[in-house]
Protein backbone atom coordinates (compact mmCIF):
# COMPACT_ATOMS: atom_id res chain seq x y z
CA MET A 1 12.43 -1.03 -0.37
CA ILE A 2 8.78 -1.74 0.36
CA ALA A 3 7.22 -0.53 3.61
CA LEU A 4 4.66 -2.91 5.13
CA GLY A 5 2.12 -2.14 7.82
CA CYS A 6 -1.13 -3.55 9.12
CA ASP A 7 -3.44 -3.82 12.06
CA HIS A 8 -4.79 -7.09 13.44
CA GLY A 9 -7.33 -7.31 10.58
CA GLY A 10 -4.52 -7.40 8.02
CA PHE A 11 -1.95 -9.42 9.95
CA GLU A 12 -2.51 -12.73 8.14
CA ILE A 13 -2.21 -11.13 4.70
CA LYS A 14 0.88 -9.15 5.72
CA GLN A 15 2.59 -12.33 6.88
CA ALA A 16 1.75 -14.04 3.57
CA LEU A 17 3.06 -11.00 1.67
CA ILE A 18 6.31 -11.12 3.63
CA ARG A 19 6.84 -14.74 2.56
CA HIS A 20 5.98 -13.83 -1.03
CA LEU A 21 8.29 -10.81 -1.12
CA GLU A 22 11.11 -12.93 0.25
CA GLU A 23 10.48 -15.55 -2.46
CA ARG A 24 10.69 -12.77 -5.07
CA GLY A 25 13.88 -11.41 -3.49
CA LEU A 26 12.32 -8.01 -2.80
CA GLU A 27 13.49 -5.96 0.17
CA TYR A 28 10.91 -4.77 2.68
CA LYS A 29 10.67 -3.15 6.07
CA ASP A 30 7.95 -4.37 8.42
CA PHE A 31 6.42 -1.56 10.49
CA GLY A 32 4.04 -3.91 12.33
CA THR A 33 1.80 -4.98 13.82
CA TYR A 34 3.60 -8.14 14.80
CA THR A 35 0.71 -10.14 16.27
CA SER A 36 -2.98 -10.71 15.60
CA GLU A 37 -3.98 -8.97 18.85
CA SER A 38 -6.33 -6.01 18.50
CA CYS A 39 -4.54 -2.73 17.78
CA ASP A 40 -5.08 0.67 16.15
CA TYR A 41 -4.61 0.93 12.37
CA PRO A 42 -3.58 4.63 12.35
CA VAL A 43 -0.29 3.76 14.07
CA TYR A 44 0.75 1.52 11.18
CA GLY A 45 -0.73 3.63 8.39
CA LYS A 46 1.23 6.62 9.66
CA ALA A 47 4.47 4.64 9.99
CA VAL A 48 4.30 3.40 6.41
CA ALA A 49 3.26 6.82 5.06
CA ARG A 50 6.19 8.49 6.83
CA ALA A 51 8.64 5.91 5.45
CA VAL A 52 7.42 6.47 1.89
CA GLN A 53 7.14 10.24 2.30
CA SER A 54 10.72 10.50 3.58
CA GLY A 55 12.13 8.29 0.83
CA GLU A 56 13.24 5.61 3.29
CA CYS A 57 11.00 3.26 1.28
CA ASP A 58 9.99 3.52 -2.37
CA ARG A 59 6.48 2.17 -1.95
CA GLY A 60 4.24 0.79 0.75
CA ILE A 61 1.56 -1.79 1.35
CA ILE A 62 -0.93 -1.27 4.18
CA ILE A 63 -3.72 -3.54 5.34
CA CYS A 64 -6.54 -3.22 7.85
CA GLY A 65 -9.90 -4.98 8.04
CA THR A 66 -11.41 -3.16 5.07
CA GLY A 67 -8.44 -1.11 3.88
CA ILE A 68 -10.51 2.05 4.26
CA GLY A 69 -9.32 3.42 7.60
CA ILE A 70 -5.64 2.76 6.99
CA SER A 71 -5.80 4.33 3.50
CA ILE A 72 -7.52 7.44 4.89
CA THR A 73 -4.74 7.69 7.47
CA ALA A 74 -1.93 7.38 4.92
CA ASN A 75 -3.52 9.86 2.52
CA LYS A 76 -3.31 12.63 5.12
CA PHE A 77 0.45 12.85 4.41
CA LYS A 78 1.66 15.23 1.70
CA GLY A 79 2.92 13.37 -1.34
CA ILE A 80 1.25 10.12 -0.41
CA ARG A 81 -1.18 8.59 -2.87
CA ALA A 82 -2.54 5.49 -1.14
CA ALA A 83 -4.97 3.52 -3.29
CA LEU A 84 -7.42 0.99 -1.90
CA CYS A 85 -7.46 -1.83 -4.44
CA THR A 86 -9.70 -4.87 -4.47
CA ASN A 87 -8.53 -6.35 -7.76
CA THR A 88 -5.59 -6.35 -10.16
CA PHE A 89 -7.23 -3.94 -12.62
CA MET A 90 -7.41 -1.28 -9.89
CA ALA A 91 -3.79 -1.93 -8.89
CA GLU A 92 -2.58 -1.57 -12.46
CA ALA A 93 -4.69 1.52 -13.15
CA THR A 94 -3.60 3.34 -10.01
CA ARG A 95 0.05 2.81 -10.85
CA LEU A 96 -0.34 3.77 -14.52
CA HIS A 97 -2.61 6.78 -13.97
CA ASN A 98 -2.10 7.97 -10.38
CA ASN A 99 1.47 6.88 -9.68
CA ALA A 100 0.13 5.59 -6.35
CA ASN A 101 2.95 4.96 -3.93
CA ILE A 102 1.03 2.97 -1.31
CA LEU A 103 -1.29 0.02 -1.89
CA ALA A 104 -4.09 -0.44 0.65
CA MET A 105 -6.05 -3.66 1.01
CA GLY A 106 -8.67 -5.11 3.32
CA GLY A 107 -7.75 -8.26 5.20
CA ARG A 108 -11.37 -9.14 5.84
CA VAL A 109 -12.50 -8.60 2.25
CA THR A 110 -9.52 -9.90 0.24
CA THR A 111 -8.22 -13.46 0.10
CA ILE A 112 -4.52 -14.11 0.58
CA GLU A 113 -4.28 -15.39 -3.00
CA ASP A 114 -5.92 -12.23 -4.38
CA ALA A 115 -3.84 -9.97 -2.12
CA ILE A 116 -0.62 -11.47 -3.50
CA LYS A 117 -1.80 -11.01 -7.10
CA ILE A 118 -2.86 -7.41 -6.39
CA ALA A 119 0.46 -6.64 -4.70
CA ASP A 120 2.46 -8.14 -7.58
CA VAL A 121 0.62 -6.02 -10.16
CA PHE A 122 1.02 -2.91 -8.00
CA LEU A 123 4.75 -3.50 -7.54
CA ASP A 124 5.44 -4.50 -11.15
CA THR A 125 3.49 -1.77 -12.96
CA PRO A 126 5.40 1.44 -13.74
CA PHE A 127 3.84 4.89 -13.91
CA SER A 128 2.86 5.77 -17.49
CA ASN A 129 4.49 9.23 -17.38
CA GLU A 130 1.79 10.49 -19.73
CA GLU A 131 1.35 14.27 -19.62
CA ARG A 132 -2.35 14.07 -18.75
CA HIS A 133 -1.63 11.90 -15.72
CA ILE A 134 1.27 14.08 -14.60
CA ARG A 135 -1.06 17.11 -14.86
CA ARG A 136 -3.77 15.39 -12.83
CA ILE A 137 -1.36 14.29 -10.11
CA SER A 138 -0.12 17.88 -9.87
CA MET A 139 -3.72 18.98 -9.41
CA ILE A 140 -4.13 16.48 -6.57
CA GLU A 141 -1.01 17.81 -4.87
CA GLU A 142 -2.17 21.45 -4.98
CA ASP A 143 -3.34 22.95 -1.68
């Protein structure tokens, strides 16, 4: 299950991703926002982070205007590794090397076409399970 969340700056991309996920037959849970009216990104970043952190959802996708604020919000949660990706190389690398569990994107800096490609790579790329990456993730998780 994929958790989705956005503010007004990411609403258009989230709606396109919903259609795309449905076409792919992938299950998702939409944590909002549900309109393009101005709202606060931390509400939706926190909702998606909690869903992934609890195991309710396997991964998440969050979108705000730049992707920065919503990724900062999600990364405050223990066990969350939200990666702001602007291209498919970043999406692949963060899955392979960081085992990122939330993809962050910017609705005002990413086209819908690119966002779909980035999301597909993020969702389809498995973690490498290489010892060096496991070690580095453990170092990230340390207090």
